[in-house]
Every structure is written in C-alpha cells, then in structure tokens.
Amino acid sequence: MKILIVLTSHDKLGDTGHKTGFWIEEFATPYYHLLDQGVEITLASPAGGQPPIDPTSDKPENQTESTKRFKEDKELQEKLSKTLSLSEVSAKDFDAVFYPGGHGPLWDLAESKVSTQLIEDFYQSGKPVSFVCHAPGALKHAKDANGEYLVKGKKVTGFTNSEEALAGLTDVVPFLVEDMLKENGAEYSKAGDFQEYALEDGLLITGQNPASSEKVAELLLKQLINKA
C-alpha cells in the first residue's frame, strides 16, 4: 500500500509575528501507525523541501510517544527535509492521501489549486482522502464530479470553534474550520474540546483535533485493507 502525506509549507501565524506550520503529533502518530503496518509513505508539500513545524506542537506538554520517536528518527528527519512539491505528485501513484493539521494548512493548502485538484483526483478515483484537526480546511474549495462541494451532505468533523477560541486564535486564522464545513453543506459534528473524535463517510475520513490523529489513521488503514 502506498499513501501520500501532504504537509503545509506555511509558517506565519497571520500578522502575530509568531510561527506556525504542521503539528508534530498529527503527523508522527499517523505516520508511524501506517509505517509499522508496512505502508509505503511519500511526503509532499506545496513548496517541497522542509515543511515548517508549529513550535507550539514542540512544547513539553504536547509530547507523546510518537513525537518522542519522531525526535530520535534521523531517517524520517532526512525524509522530511526533502518533501516533494505537490506539483510532482499524482493521485494515480497512491492508494490514499492523508493531511495532518497545524494552523498552516488554513493559509496555503486551503487555497492551493494544486492541492484541491489532488484531493478531487483521489476522491474521484475511488481512493480515500483523510484529514485531521485544521487539515479539513484543505477541503474548502474541493468539489465532487457534479460540481458540488465535496463535503456537502457528508458526515465530517474538524477543529471546532470552541477549540480555536481556547487556542486564542479565533481572530487570527483566515477562517474557522467548523464554520467553513457547515457553510459548504457538511453534516458537521464534534465531541468535547480536545476529545478524540473521528468520522468516516465513504472515502472521506476526518478527525477533530490532535487526540484524533491515530483514530483517523486506523480508519484509513482499515479501509485500505478492506479494499485490498
């Protein structure tokens, strides 16, 4: 099985002067969950090369077993420094795609026509598309074969308005994931703040927050095994 992981290239947290990027746990946990099951993983980002890490995700209180493993994994560090650019990858070469969160995707992946097309290509080819936390923001402009929003009428989740408020970034982010998904016609639902919650609706798999990243990977892997 071959899975493409798409990471953000955006490192500026609006006009705050602070940095953002991808959230380590939301990348590392699914990465190792899939890798340990023999999945072949390719990494890509809009700009290629080293994607920025959200410094908040590197704080002691946000460490997990997978982030500790990530820190010690020189092979993965090297691989991460050389991500392919999105323009170099094609849905036909993979069985599924996974997007980790962090705030970065709200700026670049949400507005990237290349990323949007990639999501549409995977979906219309009958291949799973999966997202966690802020990454469902990358679905903002994605449409189905009928020209309707991809999330319309589908059960989805993503970082909640209340979680964004607790992060103190409601007025910093370009849009709120929960609001966007609802506006695009999704059947949005959520669990309590920072509780594990993931949904699967056909080929579309979404997780609410960092605590949900492993569940998204489990659902994705199960779907791929069942299709094999």
C-alpha atoms as a PDB file:
ATOM      1  CA  MET A   1       0.000   0.000   0.000  1.00  0.00           C
ATOM      2  CA  LYS A   2       1.203   3.469  -0.858  1.00  0.00           C
ATOM      3  CA  ILE A   3      -0.010   6.588   0.959  1.00  0.00           C
ATOM      4  CA  LEU A   4       0.770  10.227   0.256  1.00  0.00           C
ATOM      5  CA  ILE A   5       1.038  12.574   3.246  1.00  0.00           C
ATOM      6  CA  VAL A   6       0.600  16.260   2.386  1.00  0.00           C
ATOM      7  CA  LEU A   7       2.108  18.821   4.779  1.00  0.00           C
ATOM      8  CA  THR A   8       1.805  22.595   4.872  1.00  0.00           C
ATOM      9  CA  SER A   9       4.585  24.941   3.714  1.00  0.00           C
ATOM     10  CA  HIS A  10       3.128  27.969   5.521  1.00  0.00           C
ATOM     11  CA  ASP A  11       4.965  29.216   8.635  1.00  0.00           C
ATOM     12  CA  LYS A  12       3.416  32.581   9.544  1.00  0.00           C
ATOM     13  CA  LEU A  13       0.584  32.781  12.078  1.00  0.00           C
ATOM     14  CA  GLY A  14      -1.252  35.663  10.440  1.00  0.00           C
ATOM     15  CA  ASP A  15       0.152  39.067  11.458  1.00  0.00           C
ATOM     16  CA  THR A  16       1.015  37.987  15.002  1.00  0.00           C
ATOM     17  CA  GLY A  17       4.737  37.664  14.366  1.00  0.00           C
ATOM     18  CA  HIS A  18       4.529  34.075  15.632  1.00  0.00           C
ATOM     19  CA  LYS A  19       5.331  30.954  13.647  1.00  0.00           C
ATOM     20  CA  THR A  20       3.082  28.067  12.650  1.00  0.00           C
ATOM     21  CA  GLY A  21       3.349  25.024  10.412  1.00  0.00           C
ATOM     22  CA  PHE A  22       2.316  21.398  10.828  1.00  0.00           C
ATOM     23  CA  TRP A  23       1.508  19.858  14.215  1.00  0.00           C
ATOM     24  CA  ILE A  24       4.104  17.200  15.038  1.00  0.00           C
ATOM     25  CA  GLU A  25       1.762  14.759  16.767  1.00  0.00           C
ATOM     26  CA  GLU A  26      -0.771  14.853  13.924  1.00  0.00           C
ATOM     27  CA  PHE A  27       1.974  13.878  11.505  1.00  0.00           C
ATOM     28  CA  ALA A  28       4.062  11.496  13.606  1.00  0.00           C
ATOM     29  CA  THR A  29       1.288   9.355  15.090  1.00  0.00           C
ATOM     30  CA  PRO A  30      -0.412   8.507  11.771  1.00  0.00           C
ATOM     31  CA  TYR A  31       2.985   8.175  10.058  1.00  0.00           C
ATOM     32  CA  TYR A  32       4.208   5.522  12.465  1.00  0.00           C
ATOM     33  CA  HIS A  33       0.821   3.799  12.691  1.00  0.00           C
ATOM     34  CA  LEU A  34       0.901   3.321   8.920  1.00  0.00           C
ATOM     35  CA  LEU A  35       4.635   2.671   8.622  1.00  0.00           C
ATOM     36  CA  ASP A  36       4.540  -0.077  11.263  1.00  0.00           C
ATOM     37  CA  GLN A  37       1.890  -1.840   9.190  1.00  0.00           C
ATOM     38  CA  GLY A  38       4.141  -1.926   6.156  1.00  0.00           C
ATOM     39  CA  VAL A  39       2.665   1.053   4.319  1.00  0.00           C
ATOM     40  CA  GLU A  40       4.960   2.870   1.883  1.00  0.00           C
ATOM     41  CA  ILE A  41       4.741   6.601   2.632  1.00  0.00           C
ATOM     42  CA  THR A  42       5.643   9.553   0.427  1.00  0.00           C
ATOM     43  CA  LEU A  43       5.773  13.109   1.802  1.00  0.00           C
ATOM     44  CA  ALA A  44       4.819  16.219  -0.169  1.00  0.00           C
ATOM     45  CA  SER A  45       4.157  19.909   0.482  1.00  0.00           C
ATOM     46  CA  PRO A  46       3.230  22.917  -1.668  1.00  0.00           C
ATOM     47  CA  ALA A  47       6.795  24.261  -1.785  1.00  0.00           C
ATOM     48  CA  GLY A  48       8.660  20.987  -1.400  1.00  0.00           C
ATOM     49  CA  GLY A  49      11.672  20.615   0.883  1.00  0.00           C
ATOM     50  CA  GLN A  50      11.468  21.066   4.653  1.00  0.00           C
ATOM     51  CA  PRO A  51       7.939  21.879   5.861  1.00  0.00           C
ATOM     52  CA  PRO A  52       7.737  24.179   8.907  1.00  0.00           C
ATOM     53  CA  ILE A  53       6.926  22.699  12.302  1.00  0.00           C
ATOM     54  CA  ASP A  54       4.455  24.531  14.525  1.00  0.00           C
ATOM     55  CA  PRO A  55       6.624  25.461  17.554  1.00  0.00           C
ATOM     56  CA  THR A  56       3.674  25.073  19.922  1.00  0.00           C
ATOM     57  CA  SER A  57       3.460  21.405  18.973  1.00  0.00           C
ATOM     58  CA  ASP A  58       7.059  21.012  20.140  1.00  0.00           C
ATOM     59  CA  LYS A  59       6.335  22.176  23.702  1.00  0.00           C
ATOM     60  CA  PRO A  60       6.747  19.635  26.530  1.00  0.00           C
ATOM     61  CA  GLU A  61       3.019  19.449  27.260  1.00  0.00           C
ATOM     62  CA  ASN A  62       2.304  18.367  23.680  1.00  0.00           C
ATOM     63  CA  GLN A  63       4.725  15.442  23.580  1.00  0.00           C
ATOM     64  CA  THR A  64       3.511  11.883  23.028  1.00  0.00           C
ATOM     65  CA  GLU A  65       5.270   8.572  22.396  1.00  0.00           C
ATOM     66  CA  SER A  66       5.134   9.232  18.662  1.00  0.00           C
ATOM     67  CA  THR A  67       6.611  12.742  18.919  1.00  0.00           C
ATOM     68  CA  LYS A  68       9.459  11.354  21.040  1.00  0.00           C
ATOM     69  CA  ARG A  69      10.058   8.677  18.412  1.00  0.00           C
ATOM     70  CA  PHE A  70       9.986  11.373  15.736  1.00  0.00           C
ATOM     71  CA  LYS A  71      12.693  13.353  17.549  1.00  0.00           C
ATOM     72  CA  GLU A  72      15.007  10.336  17.557  1.00  0.00           C
ATOM     73  CA  ASP A  73      14.252   9.233  13.997  1.00  0.00           C
ATOM     74  CA  LYS A  74      17.097  10.538  11.854  1.00  0.00           C
ATOM     75  CA  GLU A  75      15.803   8.677   8.793  1.00  0.00           C
ATOM     76  CA  LEU A  76      12.434  10.431   8.999  1.00  0.00           C
ATOM     77  CA  GLN A  77      14.086  13.812   9.672  1.00  0.00           C
ATOM     78  CA  GLU A  78      16.057  13.375   6.456  1.00  0.00           C
ATOM     79  CA  LYS A  79      12.961  12.315   4.537  1.00  0.00           C
ATOM     80  CA  LEU A  80      11.012  15.276   5.906  1.00  0.00           C
ATOM     81  CA  SER A  81      13.685  17.715   4.761  1.00  0.00           C
ATOM     82  CA  LYS A  82      13.162  16.578   1.184  1.00  0.00           C
ATOM     83  CA  THR A  83       9.400  16.510   0.682  1.00  0.00           C
ATOM     84  CA  LEU A  84       8.277  16.511  -2.928  1.00  0.00           C
ATOM     85  CA  SER A  85       6.423  19.555  -4.189  1.00  0.00           C
ATOM     86  CA  LEU A  86       2.712  18.976  -4.777  1.00  0.00           C
ATOM     87  CA  SER A  87       3.175  19.604  -8.485  1.00  0.00           C
ATOM     88  CA  GLU A  88       5.391  16.494  -8.622  1.00  0.00           C
ATOM     89  CA  VAL A  89       2.848  14.005  -7.279  1.00  0.00           C
ATOM     90  CA  SER A  90      -0.208  12.355  -8.811  1.00  0.00           C
ATOM     91  CA  ALA A  91      -3.147  10.527  -7.264  1.00  0.00           C
ATOM     92  CA  LYS A  92      -2.670   7.645  -9.686  1.00  0.00           C
ATOM     93  CA  ASP A  93       0.572   6.669  -7.911  1.00  0.00           C
ATOM     94  CA  PHE A  94      -1.003   6.199  -4.462  1.00  0.00           C
ATOM     95  CA  ASP A  95      -3.814   4.335  -2.726  1.00  0.00           C
ATOM     96  CA  ALA A  96      -4.842   7.192  -0.408  1.00  0.00           C
ATOM     97  CA  VAL A  97      -3.880  10.646   0.856  1.00  0.00           C
ATOM     98  CA  PHE A  98      -3.585  11.988   4.405  1.00  0.00           C
ATOM     99  CA  TYR A  99      -3.346  15.628   5.510  1.00  0.00           C
ATOM    100  CA  PRO A 100      -2.018  16.416   9.025  1.00  0.00           C
ATOM    101  CA  GLY A 101      -3.103  19.647  10.683  1.00  0.00           C
ATOM    102  CA  GLY A 102      -1.466  22.541  12.425  1.00  0.00           C
ATOM    103  CA  HIS A 103      -2.640  26.058  11.535  1.00  0.00           C
ATOM    104  CA  GLY A 104      -0.504  26.295   8.393  1.00  0.00           C
ATOM    105  CA  PRO A 105      -2.964  24.479   6.077  1.00  0.00           C
ATOM    106  CA  LEU A 106      -5.575  27.215   6.600  1.00  0.00           C
ATOM    107  CA  TRP A 107      -3.373  29.609   4.640  1.00  0.00           C
ATOM    108  CA  ASP A 108      -1.736  27.537   1.910  1.00  0.00           C
ATOM    109  CA  LEU A 109      -3.430  24.158   1.401  1.00  0.00           C
ATOM    110  CA  ALA A 110      -6.929  25.619   1.705  1.00  0.00           C
ATOM    111  CA  GLU A 111      -6.257  27.970  -1.199  1.00  0.00           C
ATOM    112  CA  SER A 112      -3.912  25.773  -3.255  1.00  0.00           C
ATOM    113  CA  LYS A 113      -5.467  24.827  -6.591  1.00  0.00           C
ATOM    114  CA  VAL A 114      -2.898  22.031  -6.909  1.00  0.00           C
ATOM    115  CA  SER A 115      -3.880  20.574  -3.530  1.00  0.00           C
ATOM    116  CA  THR A 116      -7.587  20.946  -4.264  1.00  0.00           C
ATOM    117  CA  GLN A 117      -7.179  19.170  -7.599  1.00  0.00           C
ATOM    118  CA  LEU A 118      -5.185  16.414  -5.917  1.00  0.00           C
ATOM    119  CA  ILE A 119      -7.952  15.820  -3.360  1.00  0.00           C
ATOM    120  CA  GLU A 120     -10.543  15.734  -6.129  1.00  0.00           C
ATOM    121  CA  ASP A 121      -8.425  13.312  -8.174  1.00  0.00           C
ATOM    122  CA  PHE A 122      -8.061  10.903  -5.255  1.00  0.00           C
ATOM    123  CA  TYR A 123     -11.748  11.060  -4.411  1.00  0.00           C
ATOM    124  CA  GLN A 124     -12.994  10.669  -7.963  1.00  0.00           C
ATOM    125  CA  SER A 125     -10.631   7.727  -8.431  1.00  0.00           C
ATOM    126  CA  GLY A 126     -12.302   5.935  -5.545  1.00  0.00           C
ATOM    127  CA  LYS A 127      -9.379   6.433  -3.173  1.00  0.00           C
ATOM    128  CA  PRO A 128      -9.695   7.554   0.480  1.00  0.00           C
ATOM    129  CA  VAL A 129      -8.948  11.155   1.460  1.00  0.00           C
ATOM    130  CA  SER A 130      -8.227  11.800   5.141  1.00  0.00           C
ATOM    131  CA  PHE A 131      -7.657  14.877   7.274  1.00  0.00           C
ATOM    132  CA  VAL A 132      -7.186  15.763  10.941  1.00  0.00           C
ATOM    133  CA  CYS A 133      -7.693  18.901  13.057  1.00  0.00           C
ATOM    134  CA  HIS A 134      -7.166  22.010  10.858  1.00  0.00           C
ATOM    135  CA  ALA A 135      -6.405  19.949   7.758  1.00  0.00           C
ATOM    136  CA  PRO A 136     -10.095  19.616   6.767  1.00  0.00           C
ATOM    137  CA  GLY A 137      -9.604  23.283   5.869  1.00  0.00           C
ATOM    138  CA  ALA A 138      -7.907  21.930   2.725  1.00  0.00           C
ATOM    139  CA  LEU A 139     -11.375  20.787   1.606  1.00  0.00           C
ATOM    140  CA  LYS A 140     -12.546  24.397   1.355  1.00  0.00           C
ATOM    141  CA  HIS A 141     -12.729  24.531  -2.451  1.00  0.00           C
ATOM    142  CA  ALA A 142     -12.853  20.796  -3.263  1.00  0.00           C
ATOM    143  CA  LYS A 143     -15.799  19.713  -5.421  1.00  0.00           C
ATOM    144  CA  ASP A 144     -17.218  16.362  -6.469  1.00  0.00           C
ATOM    145  CA  ALA A 145     -17.860  15.180 -10.032  1.00  0.00           C
ATOM    146  CA  ASN A 146     -21.186  17.069 -10.042  1.00  0.00           C
ATOM    147  CA  GLY A 147     -19.580  20.372  -9.084  1.00  0.00           C
ATOM    148  CA  GLU A 148     -20.970  20.287  -5.536  1.00  0.00           C
ATOM    149  CA  TYR A 149     -18.744  20.858  -2.532  1.00  0.00           C
ATOM    150  CA  LEU A 150     -17.079  17.566  -1.675  1.00  0.00           C
ATOM    151  CA  VAL A 151     -18.228  17.778   1.950  1.00  0.00           C
ATOM    152  CA  LYS A 152     -21.857  18.598   1.098  1.00  0.00           C
ATOM    153  CA  GLY A 153     -24.196  16.166   2.824  1.00  0.00           C
ATOM    154  CA  LYS A 154     -21.320  14.194   4.327  1.00  0.00           C
ATOM    155  CA  LYS A 155     -20.578  13.476   7.959  1.00  0.00           C
ATOM    156  CA  VAL A 156     -17.400  15.382   8.805  1.00  0.00           C
ATOM    157  CA  THR A 157     -15.559  16.896  11.738  1.00  0.00           C
ATOM    158  CA  GLY A 158     -12.566  19.186  12.224  1.00  0.00           C
ATOM    159  CA  PHE A 159     -11.096  21.666  14.700  1.00  0.00           C
ATOM    160  CA  THR A 160     -14.009  23.287  16.492  1.00  0.00           C
ATOM    161  CA  ASN A 161     -14.825  26.955  17.013  1.00  0.00           C
ATOM    162  CA  SER A 162     -14.552  26.447  20.771  1.00  0.00           C
ATOM    163  CA  GLU A 163     -11.134  24.776  20.442  1.00  0.00           C
ATOM    164  CA  GLU A 164      -9.943  27.693  18.300  1.00  0.00           C
ATOM    165  CA  ALA A 165     -11.210  30.092  20.952  1.00  0.00           C
ATOM    166  CA  LEU A 166      -9.290  28.185  23.625  1.00  0.00           C
ATOM    167  CA  ALA A 167      -6.186  28.467  21.437  1.00  0.00           C
ATOM    168  CA  GLY A 168      -6.791  32.235  21.360  1.00  0.00           C
ATOM    169  CA  LEU A 169      -6.663  32.361  17.566  1.00  0.00           C
ATOM    170  CA  THR A 170     -10.268  32.923  16.508  1.00  0.00           C
ATOM    171  CA  ASP A 171      -9.449  36.390  15.156  1.00  0.00           C
ATOM    172  CA  VAL A 172      -6.093  35.350  13.675  1.00  0.00           C
ATOM    173  CA  VAL A 173      -6.993  32.463  11.378  1.00  0.00           C
ATOM    174  CA  PRO A 174      -8.303  33.255   7.863  1.00  0.00           C
ATOM    175  CA  PHE A 175     -11.416  31.158   8.548  1.00  0.00           C
ATOM    176  CA  LEU A 176     -12.823  28.789  11.152  1.00  0.00           C
ATOM    177  CA  VAL A 177     -12.815  25.147  10.074  1.00  0.00           C
ATOM    178  CA  GLU A 178     -16.157  24.346  11.724  1.00  0.00           C
ATOM    179  CA  ASP A 179     -17.892  27.323  10.094  1.00  0.00           C
ATOM    180  CA  MET A 180     -16.447  26.594   6.649  1.00  0.00           C
ATOM    181  CA  LEU A 181     -17.506  22.955   6.695  1.00  0.00           C
ATOM    182  CA  LYS A 182     -21.039  23.911   7.722  1.00  0.00           C
ATOM    183  CA  GLU A 183     -21.204  26.646   5.085  1.00  0.00           C
ATOM    184  CA  ASN A 184     -20.170  24.110   2.442  1.00  0.00           C
ATOM    185  CA  GLY A 185     -23.100  21.896   3.420  1.00  0.00           C
ATOM    186  CA  ALA A 186     -21.362  19.286   5.566  1.00  0.00           C
ATOM    187  CA  GLU A 187     -23.163  17.388   8.318  1.00  0.00           C
ATOM    188  CA  TYR A 188     -20.669  18.634  10.882  1.00  0.00           C
ATOM    189  CA  SER A 189     -20.470  17.100  14.349  1.00  0.00           C
ATOM    190  CA  LYS A 190     -17.969  17.142  17.201  1.00  0.00           C
ATOM    191  CA  ALA A 191     -17.063  15.752  20.606  1.00  0.00           C
ATOM    192  CA  GLY A 192     -15.939  17.756  23.636  1.00  0.00           C
ATOM    193  CA  ASP A 193     -12.967  20.080  23.311  1.00  0.00           C
ATOM    194  CA  PHE A 194      -9.761  18.137  22.609  1.00  0.00           C
ATOM    195  CA  GLN A 195     -11.503  14.766  22.963  1.00  0.00           C
ATOM    196  CA  GLU A 196     -10.851  12.010  20.415  1.00  0.00           C
ATOM    197  CA  TYR A 197     -13.408  12.101  17.611  1.00  0.00           C
ATOM    198  CA  ALA A 198     -13.151  10.864  14.031  1.00  0.00           C
ATOM    199  CA  LEU A 199     -15.693  10.200  11.319  1.00  0.00           C
ATOM    200  CA  GLU A 200     -15.763   8.111   8.178  1.00  0.00           C
ATOM    201  CA  ASP A 201     -18.254   8.853   5.418  1.00  0.00           C
ATOM    202  CA  GLY A 202     -17.407   6.742   2.409  1.00  0.00           C
ATOM    203  CA  LEU A 203     -13.982   7.770   1.135  1.00  0.00           C
ATOM    204  CA  LEU A 204     -13.872  10.860   3.371  1.00  0.00           C
ATOM    205  CA  ILE A 205     -12.234  10.464   6.792  1.00  0.00           C
ATOM    206  CA  THR A 206     -11.869  13.377   9.223  1.00  0.00           C
ATOM    207  CA  GLY A 207     -10.620  13.856  12.793  1.00  0.00           C
ATOM    208  CA  GLN A 208     -11.397  16.718  15.156  1.00  0.00           C
ATOM    209  CA  ASN A 209      -8.077  17.504  16.849  1.00  0.00           C
ATOM    210  CA  PRO A 210      -4.610  16.147  17.764  1.00  0.00           C
ATOM    211  CA  ALA A 211      -6.174  13.494  20.016  1.00  0.00           C
ATOM    212  CA  SER A 212      -7.975  12.132  16.953  1.00  0.00           C
ATOM    213  CA  SER A 213      -4.984  11.609  14.691  1.00  0.00           C
ATOM    214  CA  GLU A 214      -4.438   7.919  15.466  1.00  0.00           C
ATOM    215  CA  LYS A 215      -8.140   7.158  15.003  1.00  0.00           C
ATOM    216  CA  VAL A 216      -8.030   8.733  11.537  1.00  0.00           C
ATOM    217  CA  ALA A 217      -5.018   6.572  10.648  1.00  0.00           C
ATOM    218  CA  GLU A 218      -6.831   3.469  11.949  1.00  0.00           C
ATOM    219  CA  LEU A 219      -9.919   4.192   9.853  1.00  0.00           C
ATOM    220  CA  LEU A 220      -7.783   4.884   6.793  1.00  0.00           C
ATOM    221  CA  LEU A 221      -5.758   1.686   7.156  1.00  0.00           C
ATOM    222  CA  LYS A 222      -8.867  -0.402   7.776  1.00  0.00           C
ATOM    223  CA  GLN A 223     -10.487   0.965   4.633  1.00  0.00           C
ATOM    224  CA  LEU A 224      -7.397   0.196   2.556  1.00  0.00           C
ATOM    225  CA  ILE A 225      -7.103  -3.346   3.948  1.00  0.00           C
ATOM    226  CA  ASN A 226     -10.784  -4.000   3.221  1.00  0.00           C
ATOM    227  CA  LYS A 227     -10.315  -2.797  -0.362  1.00  0.00           C
ATOM    228  CA  ALA A 228      -7.180  -4.875  -0.940  1.00  0.00           C
END
